[in-house]
Each structure stands twice: as C-alpha cells, then as structure tokens.
Amino acid sequence: KMYDDDWFGSAVTVVEMDGEIDMDNMEAQLKMIEENMEGLNAKSKGELTEAMLKLKSSPGSQNGTGLLQTVIAMKVREIYEKLSAWR
C-alpha cells in the first residue's frame, strides 16, 4: 500500500508492506516496489532487486524487514560517500 502523508510538516509518500513477498515471484514484486521508490540513489537500475535476490535465503527477505535493511544500507552508503568526498 502506498499513500501520501505529512511527516512533521514535510510531504512524504509512505510505502507499507503488509504480508510477505511471494518467493516464487520475488523478482517481479521487488522490481515493482523499486520502480515506485524515489531518492534511493541506486548505483544501477535494479540494484535493490539484485541485492535482495542475492540474499533470498536470508532471514527477513520474505517480508519488509529485509527490504528495509537493504534500503537503509543503500542510504548509509550514500551518506558515507557524501561525507568522504567532503573531506
């Protein structure tokens, strides 16, 4: 589910994941999710999907936990690269 909301005075789009990813259709579902995300700053198209597929058998990959961890990892990398370039 995806909807627009207000977060402390800023307009945001909320993505909720209710349930689990269909592991037999994981790639297609992840591509759809990734295509609807903005500001991910992926190094390549499909990077989020590829990262999730590599960890398909890891705990959390079937639900929002693994997806959130992967998005956070990409955002931490983005911040690290900005800070290290600033020095």
C-alpha atoms as a PDB file:
ATOM      1  CA  LYS A   1       0.000   0.000   0.000  1.00  0.00           C
ATOM      2  CA  MET A   2       1.302   3.457  -0.862  1.00  0.00           C
ATOM      3  CA  TYR A   3      -0.117   6.854   0.064  1.00  0.00           C
ATOM      4  CA  ASP A   4       0.872  10.484   0.585  1.00  0.00           C
ATOM      5  CA  ASP A   5       1.085  11.844   4.119  1.00  0.00           C
ATOM      6  CA  ASP A   6       2.565  14.633   6.215  1.00  0.00           C
ATOM      7  CA  TRP A   7       5.608  13.928   8.384  1.00  0.00           C
ATOM      8  CA  PHE A   8       6.488  16.748  10.779  1.00  0.00           C
ATOM      9  CA  GLY A   9       5.424  19.333   8.214  1.00  0.00           C
ATOM     10  CA  SER A  10       7.021  17.671   5.196  1.00  0.00           C
ATOM     11  CA  ALA A  11       5.097  15.949   2.411  1.00  0.00           C
ATOM     12  CA  VAL A  12       6.066  12.268   2.162  1.00  0.00           C
ATOM     13  CA  THR A  13       4.931   9.139   0.377  1.00  0.00           C
ATOM     14  CA  VAL A  14       4.503   6.168   2.687  1.00  0.00           C
ATOM     15  CA  VAL A  15       5.062   2.627   1.442  1.00  0.00           C
ATOM     16  CA  GLU A  16       3.567  -0.060   3.659  1.00  0.00           C
ATOM     17  CA  MET A  17       4.279  -3.727   3.274  1.00  0.00           C
ATOM     18  CA  ASP A  18       1.522  -5.889   4.620  1.00  0.00           C
ATOM     19  CA  GLY A  19       2.184  -9.595   4.317  1.00  0.00           C
ATOM     20  CA  GLU A  20       5.030 -11.367   2.612  1.00  0.00           C
ATOM     21  CA  ILE A  21       6.747 -11.415  -0.728  1.00  0.00           C
ATOM     22  CA  ASP A  22       5.783 -14.331  -2.932  1.00  0.00           C
ATOM     23  CA  MET A  23       9.169 -16.054  -3.140  1.00  0.00           C
ATOM     24  CA  ASP A  24       8.231 -17.618  -6.496  1.00  0.00           C
ATOM     25  CA  ASN A  25       7.515 -14.139  -7.898  1.00  0.00           C
ATOM     26  CA  MET A  26      10.063 -12.219  -5.805  1.00  0.00           C
ATOM     27  CA  GLU A  27      11.971 -10.565  -8.636  1.00  0.00           C
ATOM     28  CA  ALA A  28       8.854  -9.105 -10.288  1.00  0.00           C
ATOM     29  CA  GLN A  29       7.464  -7.864  -6.984  1.00  0.00           C
ATOM     30  CA  LEU A  30      10.755  -6.240  -5.984  1.00  0.00           C
ATOM     31  CA  LYS A  31      11.101  -4.564  -9.383  1.00  0.00           C
ATOM     32  CA  MET A  32       7.627  -3.071  -8.964  1.00  0.00           C
ATOM     33  CA  ILE A  33       8.498  -1.798  -5.477  1.00  0.00           C
ATOM     34  CA  GLU A  34      11.840  -0.397  -6.630  1.00  0.00           C
ATOM     35  CA  GLU A  35      10.312   1.380  -9.630  1.00  0.00           C
ATOM     36  CA  ASN A  36       7.958   3.225  -7.281  1.00  0.00           C
ATOM     37  CA  MET A  37      10.641   4.396  -4.858  1.00  0.00           C
ATOM     38  CA  GLU A  38      12.214   7.835  -5.232  1.00  0.00           C
ATOM     39  CA  GLY A  39      15.509   9.075  -3.841  1.00  0.00           C
ATOM     40  CA  LEU A  40      17.049   5.639  -3.474  1.00  0.00           C
ATOM     41  CA  ASN A  41      20.269   6.741  -5.235  1.00  0.00           C
ATOM     42  CA  ALA A  42      20.990   3.265  -6.533  1.00  0.00           C
ATOM     43  CA  LYS A  43      24.252   2.762  -8.405  1.00  0.00           C
ATOM     44  CA  SER A  44      22.360   0.997 -11.185  1.00  0.00           C
ATOM     45  CA  LYS A  45      18.791   0.302 -12.215  1.00  0.00           C
ATOM     46  CA  GLY A  46      17.639  -2.756 -10.317  1.00  0.00           C
ATOM     47  CA  GLU A  47      20.313  -2.575  -7.611  1.00  0.00           C
ATOM     48  CA  LEU A  48      17.769  -3.012  -4.798  1.00  0.00           C
ATOM     49  CA  THR A  49      16.193  -6.009  -6.546  1.00  0.00           C
ATOM     50  CA  GLU A  50      19.587  -7.587  -7.236  1.00  0.00           C
ATOM     51  CA  ALA A  51      20.708  -7.129  -3.627  1.00  0.00           C
ATOM     52  CA  MET A  52      17.515  -8.712  -2.317  1.00  0.00           C
ATOM     53  CA  LEU A  53      17.779 -11.642  -4.730  1.00  0.00           C
ATOM     54  CA  LYS A  54      21.355 -12.336  -3.596  1.00  0.00           C
ATOM     55  CA  LEU A  55      20.067 -12.631  -0.032  1.00  0.00           C
ATOM     56  CA  LYS A  56      16.904 -14.536  -0.926  1.00  0.00           C
ATOM     57  CA  SER A  57      17.510 -17.251   1.662  1.00  0.00           C
ATOM     58  CA  SER A  58      18.430 -14.825   4.464  1.00  0.00           C
ATOM     59  CA  PRO A  59      16.068 -14.137   7.376  1.00  0.00           C
ATOM     60  CA  GLY A  60      13.757 -11.222   6.643  1.00  0.00           C
ATOM     61  CA  SER A  61      13.999 -11.467   2.863  1.00  0.00           C
ATOM     62  CA  GLN A  62      10.415 -12.679   2.623  1.00  0.00           C
ATOM     63  CA  ASN A  63       8.962  -9.658   4.421  1.00  0.00           C
ATOM     64  CA  GLY A  64       9.575  -5.946   4.850  1.00  0.00           C
ATOM     65  CA  THR A  65      12.465  -6.458   7.260  1.00  0.00           C
ATOM     66  CA  GLY A  66      14.979  -7.415   4.584  1.00  0.00           C
ATOM     67  CA  LEU A  67      13.680  -4.758   2.211  1.00  0.00           C
ATOM     68  CA  LEU A  68      14.034  -2.063   4.862  1.00  0.00           C
ATOM     69  CA  GLN A  69      17.543  -3.256   5.776  1.00  0.00           C
ATOM     70  CA  THR A  70      18.602  -3.103   2.123  1.00  0.00           C
ATOM     71  CA  VAL A  71      17.163   0.389   1.632  1.00  0.00           C
ATOM     72  CA  ILE A  72      18.899   1.584   4.813  1.00  0.00           C
ATOM     73  CA  ALA A  73      22.203   0.092   3.640  1.00  0.00           C
ATOM     74  CA  MET A  74      21.917   1.988   0.359  1.00  0.00           C
ATOM     75  CA  LYS A  75      21.132   5.248   2.173  1.00  0.00           C
ATOM     76  CA  VAL A  76      24.024   4.765   4.630  1.00  0.00           C
ATOM     77  CA  ARG A  77      26.338   4.235   1.643  1.00  0.00           C
ATOM     78  CA  GLU A  78      25.030   7.437   0.083  1.00  0.00           C
ATOM     79  CA  ILE A  79      25.733   9.424   3.262  1.00  0.00           C
ATOM     80  CA  TYR A  80      29.180   7.838   3.674  1.00  0.00           C
ATOM     81  CA  GLU A  81      30.131   8.699   0.092  1.00  0.00           C
ATOM     82  CA  LYS A  82      28.985  12.308   0.542  1.00  0.00           C
ATOM     83  CA  LEU A  83      30.920  12.673   3.800  1.00  0.00           C
ATOM     84  CA  SER A  84      34.072  11.034   2.475  1.00  0.00           C
ATOM     85  CA  ALA A  85      34.000  13.239  -0.638  1.00  0.00           C
ATOM     86  CA  TRP A  86      33.589  16.316   1.539  1.00  0.00           C
ATOM     87  CA  ARG A  87      36.887  15.688   3.328  1.00  0.00           C
END
